[in-house]
Amino acid sequence: MKDYLVKALAYEDTVRVYAIQSTEMVKEAAKRQGTWRTVTAALGRALTAGTMMGTMLKGKEKLTIKVEGNGPACPIIVDANADGTARGYVTEKSLDPERKDSGKLNVSAVVGNQGTLSVVKDLGMKDYFTGSVPIVSGELAEDFTYYFASSEQTPSSVGLGVVIGKGDVVEGAGGFILQMMPGASDKTIDDIEQRLKQIPPISTLIQEGHTPEEIVEKLTGKGNYRLVEKVETAFQCHCSKERMVNAIYGLLEEDIRAMIDEDEGAETTCHFCNEVYVFSKKELEELLEDKLKQK
């Protein structure tokens, strides 16, 4: 089944909810990155949150999330777009600390419990919007919750889950972002708080096969919400050989000559999708000739 998310409004449009199934996206990211299970969970949570946050934007707007904790997997980078596509990578992939006493994967051990979580939004204007907050737990759901409250002044609750099965295969991934909007009554806030206390962990809901629509219903109550939009989501990298050409153009002349004379070519790999781009000696010579002509 293809991944997707839903957007909903509840409590007479005073509560906004995003809920996502991101299983295939996280599977693809883990496969391309070659991550071990605990790092897969960390990357998957960040990717899941980033995808939902991307769909809060419009048109060609996009954002970049940087999780810069003091854990060995960081920084974790996620790029997300308004159309529901996203990509992400981690710095250290081969980590698998002992599980917590509860049996859950110890995500905070690879992320760290100190550092910063920052979000840079490209809204198509001259300046970017940047928000940054301290990491409060390293489990990421709590960190994104704190980001919304502190940086965007939006009281929110974030749930993120990645279920790793036998053979370290991603069996399920998903999450939600619930936000209070201006006009939410005290009664609504109290009701939501009670529901959040009673709802099972998001990883449990994912294991039980709940859809994004069912997660919204768990959060807000039957008949108490209306679905606004459904968006297909997917892992998608926008790297290309043309982009790599531009990157080589940006190098110093002597660096390109070294690739030609010493290496007789060049090979570059995309951090996000691990796609390998090969440039022959002849291609580099033509590229350098073109660069010198433009001086």
C-alpha atoms as a PDB file:
ATOM      1  CA  MET A   1       0.000   0.000   0.000  1.00  0.00           C
ATOM      2  CA  LYS A   2       1.238   3.474  -0.856  1.00  0.00           C
ATOM      3  CA  ASP A   3       2.074   5.812   1.980  1.00  0.00           C
ATOM      4  CA  TYR A   4      -0.214   8.756   2.590  1.00  0.00           C
ATOM      5  CA  LEU A   5      -1.236  11.322   5.142  1.00  0.00           C
ATOM      6  CA  VAL A   6      -4.499  12.982   5.997  1.00  0.00           C
ATOM      7  CA  LYS A   7      -5.231  16.470   7.231  1.00  0.00           C
ATOM      8  CA  ALA A   8      -8.243  16.979   9.458  1.00  0.00           C
ATOM      9  CA  LEU A   9     -10.000  19.653  11.506  1.00  0.00           C
ATOM     10  CA  ALA A  10     -11.807  18.832  14.741  1.00  0.00           C
ATOM     11  CA  TYR A  11     -13.717  20.456  17.588  1.00  0.00           C
ATOM     12  CA  GLU A  12     -15.462  22.972  15.338  1.00  0.00           C
ATOM     13  CA  ASP A  13     -12.236  23.621  13.441  1.00  0.00           C
ATOM     14  CA  THR A  14     -10.247  24.655  16.529  1.00  0.00           C
ATOM     15  CA  VAL A  15      -7.955  21.616  16.420  1.00  0.00           C
ATOM     16  CA  ARG A  16      -5.793  20.655  13.434  1.00  0.00           C
ATOM     17  CA  VAL A  17      -4.535  17.091  12.967  1.00  0.00           C
ATOM     18  CA  TYR A  18      -2.059  15.505  10.586  1.00  0.00           C
ATOM     19  CA  ALA A  19      -1.720  11.710  10.585  1.00  0.00           C
ATOM     20  CA  ILE A  20       0.586   9.682   8.345  1.00  0.00           C
ATOM     21  CA  GLN A  21       1.481   6.172   7.292  1.00  0.00           C
ATOM     22  CA  SER A  22       5.162   6.347   6.271  1.00  0.00           C
ATOM     23  CA  THR A  23       6.154   2.682   6.152  1.00  0.00           C
ATOM     24  CA  GLU A  24       7.374   2.485   2.548  1.00  0.00           C
ATOM     25  CA  MET A  25       9.161   5.826   2.834  1.00  0.00           C
ATOM     26  CA  VAL A  26      11.123   4.705   5.885  1.00  0.00           C
ATOM     27  CA  LYS A  27      11.853   1.317   4.281  1.00  0.00           C
ATOM     28  CA  GLU A  28      13.286   3.068   1.233  1.00  0.00           C
ATOM     29  CA  ALA A  29      15.369   5.474   3.313  1.00  0.00           C
ATOM     30  CA  ALA A  30      16.760   2.630   5.438  1.00  0.00           C
ATOM     31  CA  LYS A  31      17.568   0.568   2.347  1.00  0.00           C
ATOM     32  CA  ARG A  32      19.379   3.437   0.628  1.00  0.00           C
ATOM     33  CA  GLN A  33      21.221   4.505   3.770  1.00  0.00           C
ATOM     34  CA  GLY A  34      22.035   0.984   4.936  1.00  0.00           C
ATOM     35  CA  THR A  35      21.074   1.824   8.516  1.00  0.00           C
ATOM     36  CA  TRP A  36      20.971  -0.529  11.486  1.00  0.00           C
ATOM     37  CA  ARG A  37      17.685  -0.824  13.348  1.00  0.00           C
ATOM     38  CA  THR A  38      18.055   1.879  16.034  1.00  0.00           C
ATOM     39  CA  VAL A  39      19.354   4.385  13.494  1.00  0.00           C
ATOM     40  CA  THR A  40      16.531   3.358  11.164  1.00  0.00           C
ATOM     41  CA  ALA A  41      14.081   4.244  13.931  1.00  0.00           C
ATOM     42  CA  ALA A  42      15.725   7.644  14.480  1.00  0.00           C
ATOM     43  CA  LEU A  43      15.856   8.456  10.773  1.00  0.00           C
ATOM     44  CA  GLY A  44      12.299   7.169  10.292  1.00  0.00           C
ATOM     45  CA  ARG A  45      10.910   9.341  13.077  1.00  0.00           C
ATOM     46  CA  ALA A  46      12.638  12.447  11.722  1.00  0.00           C
ATOM     47  CA  LEU A  47      11.499  11.655   8.170  1.00  0.00           C
ATOM     48  CA  THR A  48       7.919  11.049   9.320  1.00  0.00           C
ATOM     49  CA  ALA A  49       7.774  14.355  11.207  1.00  0.00           C
ATOM     50  CA  GLY A  50       9.435  16.226   8.359  1.00  0.00           C
ATOM     51  CA  THR A  51       6.967  14.892   5.792  1.00  0.00           C
ATOM     52  CA  MET A  52       3.988  16.058   7.845  1.00  0.00           C
ATOM     53  CA  MET A  53       5.606  19.450   8.398  1.00  0.00           C
ATOM     54  CA  GLY A  54       6.353  19.745   4.679  1.00  0.00           C
ATOM     55  CA  THR A  55       2.678  19.388   3.829  1.00  0.00           C
ATOM     56  CA  MET A  56       1.932  22.370   6.068  1.00  0.00           C
ATOM     57  CA  LEU A  57       3.581  24.448   3.327  1.00  0.00           C
ATOM     58  CA  LYS A  58       2.203  25.417  -0.084  1.00  0.00           C
ATOM     59  CA  GLY A  59       3.185  25.140  -3.746  1.00  0.00           C
ATOM     60  CA  LYS A  60       6.924  24.771  -4.209  1.00  0.00           C
ATOM     61  CA  GLU A  61       7.801  25.687  -0.641  1.00  0.00           C
ATOM     62  CA  LYS A  62      10.139  23.311   1.201  1.00  0.00           C
ATOM     63  CA  LEU A  63      11.962  22.885   4.467  1.00  0.00           C
ATOM     64  CA  THR A  64      15.077  21.316   5.923  1.00  0.00           C
ATOM     65  CA  ILE A  65      15.250  19.788   9.383  1.00  0.00           C
ATOM     66  CA  LYS A  66      18.594  19.408  11.135  1.00  0.00           C
ATOM     67  CA  VAL A  67      18.823  17.261  14.261  1.00  0.00           C
ATOM     68  CA  GLU A  68      22.211  18.118  15.714  1.00  0.00           C
ATOM     69  CA  GLY A  69      22.361  16.130  18.922  1.00  0.00           C
ATOM     70  CA  ASN A  70      25.425  14.948  20.808  1.00  0.00           C
ATOM     71  CA  GLY A  71      24.699  11.351  19.796  1.00  0.00           C
ATOM     72  CA  PRO A  72      26.823   9.504  17.210  1.00  0.00           C
ATOM     73  CA  ALA A  73      24.133   9.368  14.489  1.00  0.00           C
ATOM     74  CA  CYS A  74      23.896  13.141  14.241  1.00  0.00           C
ATOM     75  CA  PRO A  75      23.473  15.296  12.404  1.00  0.00           C
ATOM     76  CA  ILE A  76      20.310  13.828  10.912  1.00  0.00           C
ATOM     77  CA  ILE A  77      19.073  15.832   7.928  1.00  0.00           C
ATOM     78  CA  VAL A  78      15.601  15.763   6.364  1.00  0.00           C
ATOM     79  CA  ASP A  79      14.436  17.706   3.311  1.00  0.00           C
ATOM     80  CA  ALA A  80      10.655  17.836   2.826  1.00  0.00           C
ATOM     81  CA  ASN A  81       8.399  19.422   0.237  1.00  0.00           C
ATOM     82  CA  ALA A  82       4.831  20.682   0.221  1.00  0.00           C
ATOM     83  CA  ASP A  83       3.814  17.896  -2.193  1.00  0.00           C
ATOM     84  CA  GLY A  84       4.424  15.122   0.366  1.00  0.00           C
ATOM     85  CA  THR A  85       7.846  13.975  -0.837  1.00  0.00           C
ATOM     86  CA  ALA A  86      10.881  13.910   1.430  1.00  0.00           C
ATOM     87  CA  ARG A  87      14.389  12.522   1.802  1.00  0.00           C
ATOM     88  CA  GLY A  88      16.802  12.133   4.707  1.00  0.00           C
ATOM     89  CA  TYR A  89      20.168  10.877   5.835  1.00  0.00           C
ATOM     90  CA  VAL A  90      22.158  10.171   8.988  1.00  0.00           C
ATOM     91  CA  THR A  91      25.842  10.670   9.678  1.00  0.00           C
ATOM     92  CA  GLU A  92      26.603   7.305  11.316  1.00  0.00           C
ATOM     93  CA  LYS A  93      24.553   4.333  10.133  1.00  0.00           C
ATOM     94  CA  SER A  94      25.995   1.320  11.970  1.00  0.00           C
ATOM     95  CA  LEU A  95      24.809   1.814  15.544  1.00  0.00           C
ATOM     96  CA  ASP A  96      22.673  -0.442  17.694  1.00  0.00           C
ATOM     97  CA  PRO A  97      22.827   0.318  21.426  1.00  0.00           C
ATOM     98  CA  GLU A  98      21.111  -1.895  23.985  1.00  0.00           C
ATOM     99  CA  ARG A  99      17.368  -1.568  24.157  1.00  0.00           C
ATOM    100  CA  LYS A 100      15.669   0.264  26.999  1.00  0.00           C
ATOM    101  CA  ASP A 101      14.372  -1.696  29.991  1.00  0.00           C
ATOM    102  CA  SER A 102      10.932  -1.489  28.381  1.00  0.00           C
ATOM    103  CA  GLY A 103      12.265  -3.367  25.365  1.00  0.00           C
ATOM    104  CA  LYS A 104      11.983  -0.356  23.063  1.00  0.00           C
ATOM    105  CA  LEU A 105      14.798   0.776  20.797  1.00  0.00           C
ATOM    106  CA  ASN A 106      16.997   3.369  22.487  1.00  0.00           C
ATOM    107  CA  VAL A 107      16.691   6.175  19.932  1.00  0.00           C
ATOM    108  CA  SER A 108      17.970   8.859  22.312  1.00  0.00           C
ATOM    109  CA  ALA A 109      21.246   6.936  22.616  1.00  0.00           C
ATOM    110  CA  VAL A 110      22.020   7.514  18.930  1.00  0.00           C
ATOM    111  CA  VAL A 111      20.504  11.019  18.738  1.00  0.00           C
ATOM    112  CA  GLY A 112      21.760  12.346  22.064  1.00  0.00           C
ATOM    113  CA  ASN A 113      19.943  14.349  24.725  1.00  0.00           C
ATOM    114  CA  GLN A 114      21.751  17.638  24.153  1.00  0.00           C
ATOM    115  CA  GLY A 115      22.090  19.793  21.066  1.00  0.00           C
ATOM    116  CA  THR A 116      19.646  21.544  18.761  1.00  0.00           C
ATOM    117  CA  LEU A 117      16.711  20.825  16.491  1.00  0.00           C
ATOM    118  CA  SER A 118      16.383  23.408  13.755  1.00  0.00           C
ATOM    119  CA  VAL A 119      13.951  23.939  10.894  1.00  0.00           C
ATOM    120  CA  VAL A 120      14.770  26.101   7.877  1.00  0.00           C
ATOM    121  CA  LYS A 121      11.798  26.954   5.639  1.00  0.00           C
ATOM    122  CA  ASP A 122      12.246  28.101   2.054  1.00  0.00           C
ATOM    123  CA  LEU A 123       9.020  29.969   1.361  1.00  0.00           C
ATOM    124  CA  GLY A 124      10.179  31.366  -1.965  1.00  0.00           C
ATOM    125  CA  MET A 125      11.103  34.727  -0.497  1.00  0.00           C
ATOM    126  CA  LYS A 126      14.462  36.464  -0.171  1.00  0.00           C
ATOM    127  CA  ASP A 127      15.055  35.336   3.383  1.00  0.00           C
ATOM    128  CA  TYR A 128      14.484  31.906   4.885  1.00  0.00           C
ATOM    129  CA  PHE A 129      12.509  31.324   8.083  1.00  0.00           C
ATOM    130  CA  THR A 130      14.684  29.572  10.655  1.00  0.00           C
ATOM    131  CA  GLY A 131      13.614  28.203  14.020  1.00  0.00           C
ATOM    132  CA  SER A 132      15.891  26.403  16.461  1.00  0.00           C
ATOM    133  CA  VAL A 133      15.306  24.839  19.874  1.00  0.00           C
ATOM    134  CA  PRO A 134      17.341  22.743  22.305  1.00  0.00           C
ATOM    135  CA  ILE A 135      16.883  18.975  22.155  1.00  0.00           C
ATOM    136  CA  VAL A 136      14.874  17.963  25.215  1.00  0.00           C
ATOM    137  CA  SER A 137      14.904  14.148  25.064  1.00  0.00           C
ATOM    138  CA  GLY A 138      16.443  12.802  21.870  1.00  0.00           C
ATOM    139  CA  GLU A 139      13.419  10.569  21.307  1.00  0.00           C
ATOM    140  CA  LEU A 140      12.341  13.146  18.680  1.00  0.00           C
ATOM    141  CA  ALA A 141       8.553  13.216  19.223  1.00  0.00           C
ATOM    142  CA  GLU A 142       9.027  15.276  22.386  1.00  0.00           C
ATOM    143  CA  ASP A 143      11.626  17.401  20.609  1.00  0.00           C
ATOM    144  CA  PHE A 144       9.274  18.280  17.749  1.00  0.00           C
ATOM    145  CA  THR A 145       6.507  18.986  20.276  1.00  0.00           C
ATOM    146  CA  TYR A 146       8.824  21.443  22.008  1.00  0.00           C
ATOM    147  CA  TYR A 147       9.815  22.981  18.662  1.00  0.00           C
ATOM    148  CA  PHE A 148       6.206  23.825  17.786  1.00  0.00           C
ATOM    149  CA  ALA A 149       5.469  25.274  21.214  1.00  0.00           C
ATOM    150  CA  SER A 150       8.674  27.286  21.495  1.00  0.00           C
ATOM    151  CA  SER A 151       9.596  28.296  17.949  1.00  0.00           C
ATOM    152  CA  GLU A 152       6.180  28.553  16.287  1.00  0.00           C
ATOM    153  CA  GLN A 153       4.124  29.315  19.415  1.00  0.00           C
ATOM    154  CA  THR A 154       1.662  26.559  18.511  1.00  0.00           C
ATOM    155  CA  PRO A 155       0.636  24.198  21.339  1.00  0.00           C
ATOM    156  CA  SER A 156       1.069  20.768  19.764  1.00  0.00           C
ATOM    157  CA  SER A 157       1.412  17.077  20.458  1.00  0.00           C
ATOM    158  CA  VAL A 158       3.601  14.936  18.206  1.00  0.00           C
ATOM    159  CA  GLY A 159       3.599  11.136  18.026  1.00  0.00           C
ATOM    160  CA  LEU A 160       6.182   9.243  15.953  1.00  0.00           C
ATOM    161  CA  GLY A 161       6.723   5.518  15.634  1.00  0.00           C
ATOM    162  CA  VAL A 162       8.820   3.053  13.639  1.00  0.00           C
ATOM    163  CA  VAL A 163       8.313  -0.678  14.145  1.00  0.00           C
ATOM    164  CA  ILE A 164      11.317  -2.885  13.324  1.00  0.00           C
ATOM    165  CA  GLY A 165      10.625  -6.579  12.867  1.00  0.00           C
ATOM    166  CA  LYS A 166      12.664  -9.723  12.283  1.00  0.00           C
ATOM    167  CA  GLY A 167      15.725  -9.258  10.139  1.00  0.00           C
ATOM    168  CA  ASP A 168      15.680  -5.572  11.071  1.00  0.00           C
ATOM    169  CA  VAL A 169      12.975  -4.972   8.459  1.00  0.00           C
ATOM    170  CA  VAL A 170      10.711  -1.945   8.817  1.00  0.00           C
ATOM    171  CA  GLU A 171       7.254  -3.402   9.474  1.00  0.00           C
ATOM    172  CA  GLY A 172       5.486  -0.092   9.972  1.00  0.00           C
ATOM    173  CA  ALA A 173       6.010   3.625  10.437  1.00  0.00           C
ATOM    174  CA  GLY A 174       3.743   6.576  11.035  1.00  0.00           C
ATOM    175  CA  GLY A 175       2.803   9.406  13.295  1.00  0.00           C
ATOM    176  CA  PHE A 176       0.637  12.398  14.008  1.00  0.00           C
ATOM    177  CA  ILE A 177       0.832  16.095  14.756  1.00  0.00           C
ATOM    178  CA  LEU A 178      -2.091  17.558  16.678  1.00  0.00           C
ATOM    179  CA  GLN A 179      -2.244  21.348  17.075  1.00  0.00           C
ATOM    180  CA  MET A 180      -4.464  23.708  19.020  1.00  0.00           C
ATOM    181  CA  MET A 181      -5.636  26.663  16.976  1.00  0.00           C
ATOM    182  CA  PRO A 182      -6.735  30.084  18.238  1.00  0.00           C
ATOM    183  CA  GLY A 183     -10.231  29.787  19.687  1.00  0.00           C
ATOM    184  CA  ALA A 184      -9.837  26.331  21.197  1.00  0.00           C
ATOM    185  CA  SER A 185     -11.881  26.303  24.415  1.00  0.00           C
ATOM    186  CA  ASP A 186     -10.643  25.094  27.798  1.00  0.00           C
ATOM    187  CA  LYS A 187     -13.080  22.189  27.494  1.00  0.00           C
ATOM    188  CA  THR A 188     -11.558  21.201  24.148  1.00  0.00           C
ATOM    189  CA  ILE A 189      -8.046  21.408  25.560  1.00  0.00           C
ATOM    190  CA  ASP A 190      -9.033  19.273  28.564  1.00  0.00           C
ATOM    191  CA  ASP A 191     -10.710  16.710  26.326  1.00  0.00           C
ATOM    192  CA  ILE A 192      -7.670  16.465  24.042  1.00  0.00           C
ATOM    193  CA  GLU A 193      -5.337  16.098  27.014  1.00  0.00           C
ATOM    194  CA  GLN A 194      -7.417  13.216  28.351  1.00  0.00           C
ATOM    195  CA  ARG A 195      -7.459  11.507  24.966  1.00  0.00           C
ATOM    196  CA  LEU A 196      -3.687  11.836  24.635  1.00  0.00           C
ATOM    197  CA  LYS A 197      -3.287  10.165  28.029  1.00  0.00           C
ATOM    198  CA  GLN A 198      -5.555   7.275  27.066  1.00  0.00           C
ATOM    199  CA  ILE A 199      -4.445   6.630  23.489  1.00  0.00           C
ATOM    200  CA  PRO A 200      -1.988   3.729  23.044  1.00  0.00           C
ATOM    201  CA  PRO A 201       1.563   4.562  21.899  1.00  0.00           C
ATOM    202  CA  ILE A 202       1.707   5.377  18.210  1.00  0.00           C
ATOM    203  CA  SER A 203       3.970   2.338  17.615  1.00  0.00           C
ATOM    204  CA  THR A 204       1.198   0.137  19.054  1.00  0.00           C
ATOM    205  CA  LEU A 205      -1.391   1.688  16.742  1.00  0.00           C
ATOM    206  CA  ILE A 206       0.937   1.096  13.789  1.00  0.00           C
ATOM    207  CA  GLN A 207       1.514  -2.555  14.786  1.00  0.00           C
ATOM    208  CA  GLU A 208      -2.254  -3.013  15.034  1.00  0.00           C
ATOM    209  CA  GLY A 209      -2.617  -1.697  11.483  1.00  0.00           C
ATOM    210  CA  HIS A 210      -4.533   1.516  12.192  1.00  0.00           C
ATOM    211  CA  THR A 211      -4.870   3.831   9.209  1.00  0.00           C
ATOM    212  CA  PRO A 212      -4.180   7.574   9.368  1.00  0.00           C
ATOM    213  CA  GLU A 213      -7.959   8.167   9.411  1.00  0.00           C
ATOM    214  CA  GLU A 214      -8.344   5.830  12.374  1.00  0.00           C
ATOM    215  CA  ILE A 215      -5.514   7.574  14.203  1.00  0.00           C
ATOM    216  CA  VAL A 216      -7.316  10.900  13.741  1.00  0.00           C
ATOM    217  CA  GLU A 217     -10.457   9.330  15.179  1.00  0.00           C
ATOM    218  CA  LYS A 218      -8.527   7.974  18.169  1.00  0.00           C
ATOM    219  CA  LEU A 219      -7.191  11.467  18.836  1.00  0.00           C
ATOM    220  CA  THR A 220     -10.417  13.427  18.438  1.00  0.00           C
ATOM    221  CA  GLY A 221     -13.375  11.067  18.829  1.00  0.00           C
ATOM    222  CA  LYS A 222     -15.826   9.530  16.393  1.00  0.00           C
ATOM    223  CA  GLY A 223     -17.828  12.071  14.422  1.00  0.00           C
ATOM    224  CA  ASN A 224     -15.894  14.919  15.976  1.00  0.00           C
ATOM    225  CA  TYR A 225     -13.658  15.726  12.997  1.00  0.00           C
ATOM    226  CA  ARG A 226     -13.742  16.267   9.255  1.00  0.00           C
ATOM    227  CA  LEU A 227     -11.084  15.188   6.769  1.00  0.00           C
ATOM    228  CA  VAL A 228      -9.749  18.101   4.746  1.00  0.00           C
ATOM    229  CA  GLU A 229      -7.182  16.517   2.452  1.00  0.00           C
ATOM    230  CA  LYS A 230      -5.412  13.261   1.631  1.00  0.00           C
ATOM    231  CA  VAL A 231      -1.850  13.443   0.282  1.00  0.00           C
ATOM    232  CA  GLU A 232       0.256  10.594  -1.122  1.00  0.00           C
ATOM    233  CA  THR A 233       3.745  10.628   0.385  1.00  0.00           C
ATOM    234  CA  ALA A 234       7.013   9.063  -0.744  1.00  0.00           C
ATOM    235  CA  PHE A 235      10.777   9.056  -0.364  1.00  0.00           C
ATOM    236  CA  GLN A 236      12.085  11.107  -3.270  1.00  0.00           C
ATOM    237  CA  CYS A 237      15.539  12.492  -3.924  1.00  0.00           C
ATOM    238  CA  HIS A 238      16.020  15.342  -6.375  1.00  0.00           C
ATOM    239  CA  CYS A 239      19.683  14.705  -7.096  1.00  0.00           C
ATOM    240  CA  SER A 240      20.782  14.419 -10.732  1.00  0.00           C
ATOM    241  CA  LYS A 241      23.941  14.392 -12.810  1.00  0.00           C
ATOM    242  CA  GLU A 242      23.185  17.995 -13.773  1.00  0.00           C
ATOM    243  CA  ARG A 243      23.252  19.010 -10.117  1.00  0.00           C
ATOM    244  CA  MET A 244      26.545  17.202  -9.645  1.00  0.00           C
ATOM    245  CA  VAL A 245      27.924  19.067 -12.682  1.00  0.00           C
ATOM    246  CA  ASN A 246      27.008  22.334 -10.986  1.00  0.00           C
ATOM    247  CA  ALA A 247      28.808  21.182  -7.843  1.00  0.00           C
ATOM    248  CA  ILE A 248      31.970  20.404  -9.820  1.00  0.00           C
ATOM    249  CA  TYR A 249      31.687  23.799 -11.547  1.00  0.00           C
ATOM    250  CA  GLY A 250      31.966  25.331  -8.095  1.00  0.00           C
ATOM    251  CA  LEU A 251      35.351  23.709  -7.441  1.00  0.00           C
ATOM    252  CA  LEU A 252      38.666  25.446  -7.953  1.00  0.00           C
ATOM    253  CA  GLU A 253      40.353  24.980 -11.331  1.00  0.00           C
ATOM    254  CA  GLU A 254      43.291  23.104  -9.775  1.00  0.00           C
ATOM    255  CA  ASP A 255      40.928  20.659  -8.052  1.00  0.00           C
ATOM    256  CA  ILE A 256      39.250  19.767 -11.344  1.00  0.00           C
ATOM    257  CA  ARG A 257      42.666  19.400 -13.016  1.00  0.00           C
ATOM    258  CA  ALA A 258      43.700  17.009 -10.247  1.00  0.00           C
ATOM    259  CA  MET A 259      40.639  14.868 -10.971  1.00  0.00           C
ATOM    260  CA  ILE A 260      41.625  14.795 -14.655  1.00  0.00           C
ATOM    261  CA  ASP A 261      45.390  14.243 -14.297  1.00  0.00           C
ATOM    262  CA  GLU A 262      45.606  12.156 -11.132  1.00  0.00           C
ATOM    263  CA  ASP A 263      42.272  10.330 -10.948  1.00  0.00           C
ATOM    264  CA  GLU A 264      41.418  10.298 -14.676  1.00  0.00           C
ATOM    265  CA  GLY A 265      37.793  10.849 -13.776  1.00  0.00           C
ATOM    266  CA  ALA A 266      35.542  11.399 -10.789  1.00  0.00           C
ATOM    267  CA  GLU A 267      32.874   9.541  -8.862  1.00  0.00           C
ATOM    268  CA  THR A 268      30.438  11.252  -6.520  1.00  0.00           C
ATOM    269  CA  THR A 269      27.689   9.805  -4.341  1.00  0.00           C
ATOM    270  CA  CYS A 270      24.498  11.518  -3.164  1.00  0.00           C
ATOM    271  CA  HIS A 271      24.309  11.616   0.656  1.00  0.00           C
ATOM    272  CA  PHE A 272      20.540  11.091   0.636  1.00  0.00           C
ATOM    273  CA  CYS A 273      19.904   8.265  -1.842  1.00  0.00           C
ATOM    274  CA  ASN A 274      23.411   6.832  -2.379  1.00  0.00           C
ATOM    275  CA  GLU A 275      23.047   7.201  -6.143  1.00  0.00           C
ATOM    276  CA  VAL A 276      26.532   7.163  -7.716  1.00  0.00           C
ATOM    277  CA  TYR A 277      27.409   9.574 -10.527  1.00  0.00           C
ATOM    278  CA  VAL A 278      30.500   8.854 -12.634  1.00  0.00           C
ATOM    279  CA  PHE A 279      32.353  11.461 -14.705  1.00  0.00           C
ATOM    280  CA  SER A 280      34.879  10.312 -17.297  1.00  0.00           C
ATOM    281  CA  LYS A 281      38.165  12.100 -17.906  1.00  0.00           C
ATOM    282  CA  LYS A 282      36.749  13.474 -21.160  1.00  0.00           C
ATOM    283  CA  GLU A 283      33.633  14.818 -19.425  1.00  0.00           C
ATOM    284  CA  LEU A 284      35.768  16.608 -16.864  1.00  0.00           C
ATOM    285  CA  GLU A 285      38.008  18.070 -19.564  1.00  0.00           C
ATOM    286  CA  GLU A 286      34.967  19.438 -21.397  1.00  0.00           C
ATOM    287  CA  LEU A 287      33.534  20.768 -18.149  1.00  0.00           C
ATOM    288  CA  LEU A 288      36.797  22.523 -17.272  1.00  0.00           C
ATOM    289  CA  GLU A 289      37.072  23.985 -20.771  1.00  0.00           C
ATOM    290  CA  ASP A 290      33.547  25.366 -20.473  1.00  0.00           C
ATOM    291  CA  LYS A 291      34.298  26.772 -17.009  1.00  0.00           C
ATOM    292  CA  LEU A 292      37.413  28.583 -18.285  1.00  0.00           C
ATOM    293  CA  LYS A 293      35.471  30.061 -21.194  1.00  0.00           C
ATOM    294  CA  GLN A 294      33.024  31.629 -18.780  1.00  0.00           C
ATOM    295  CA  LYS A 295      35.726  33.434 -16.810  1.00  0.00           C
END
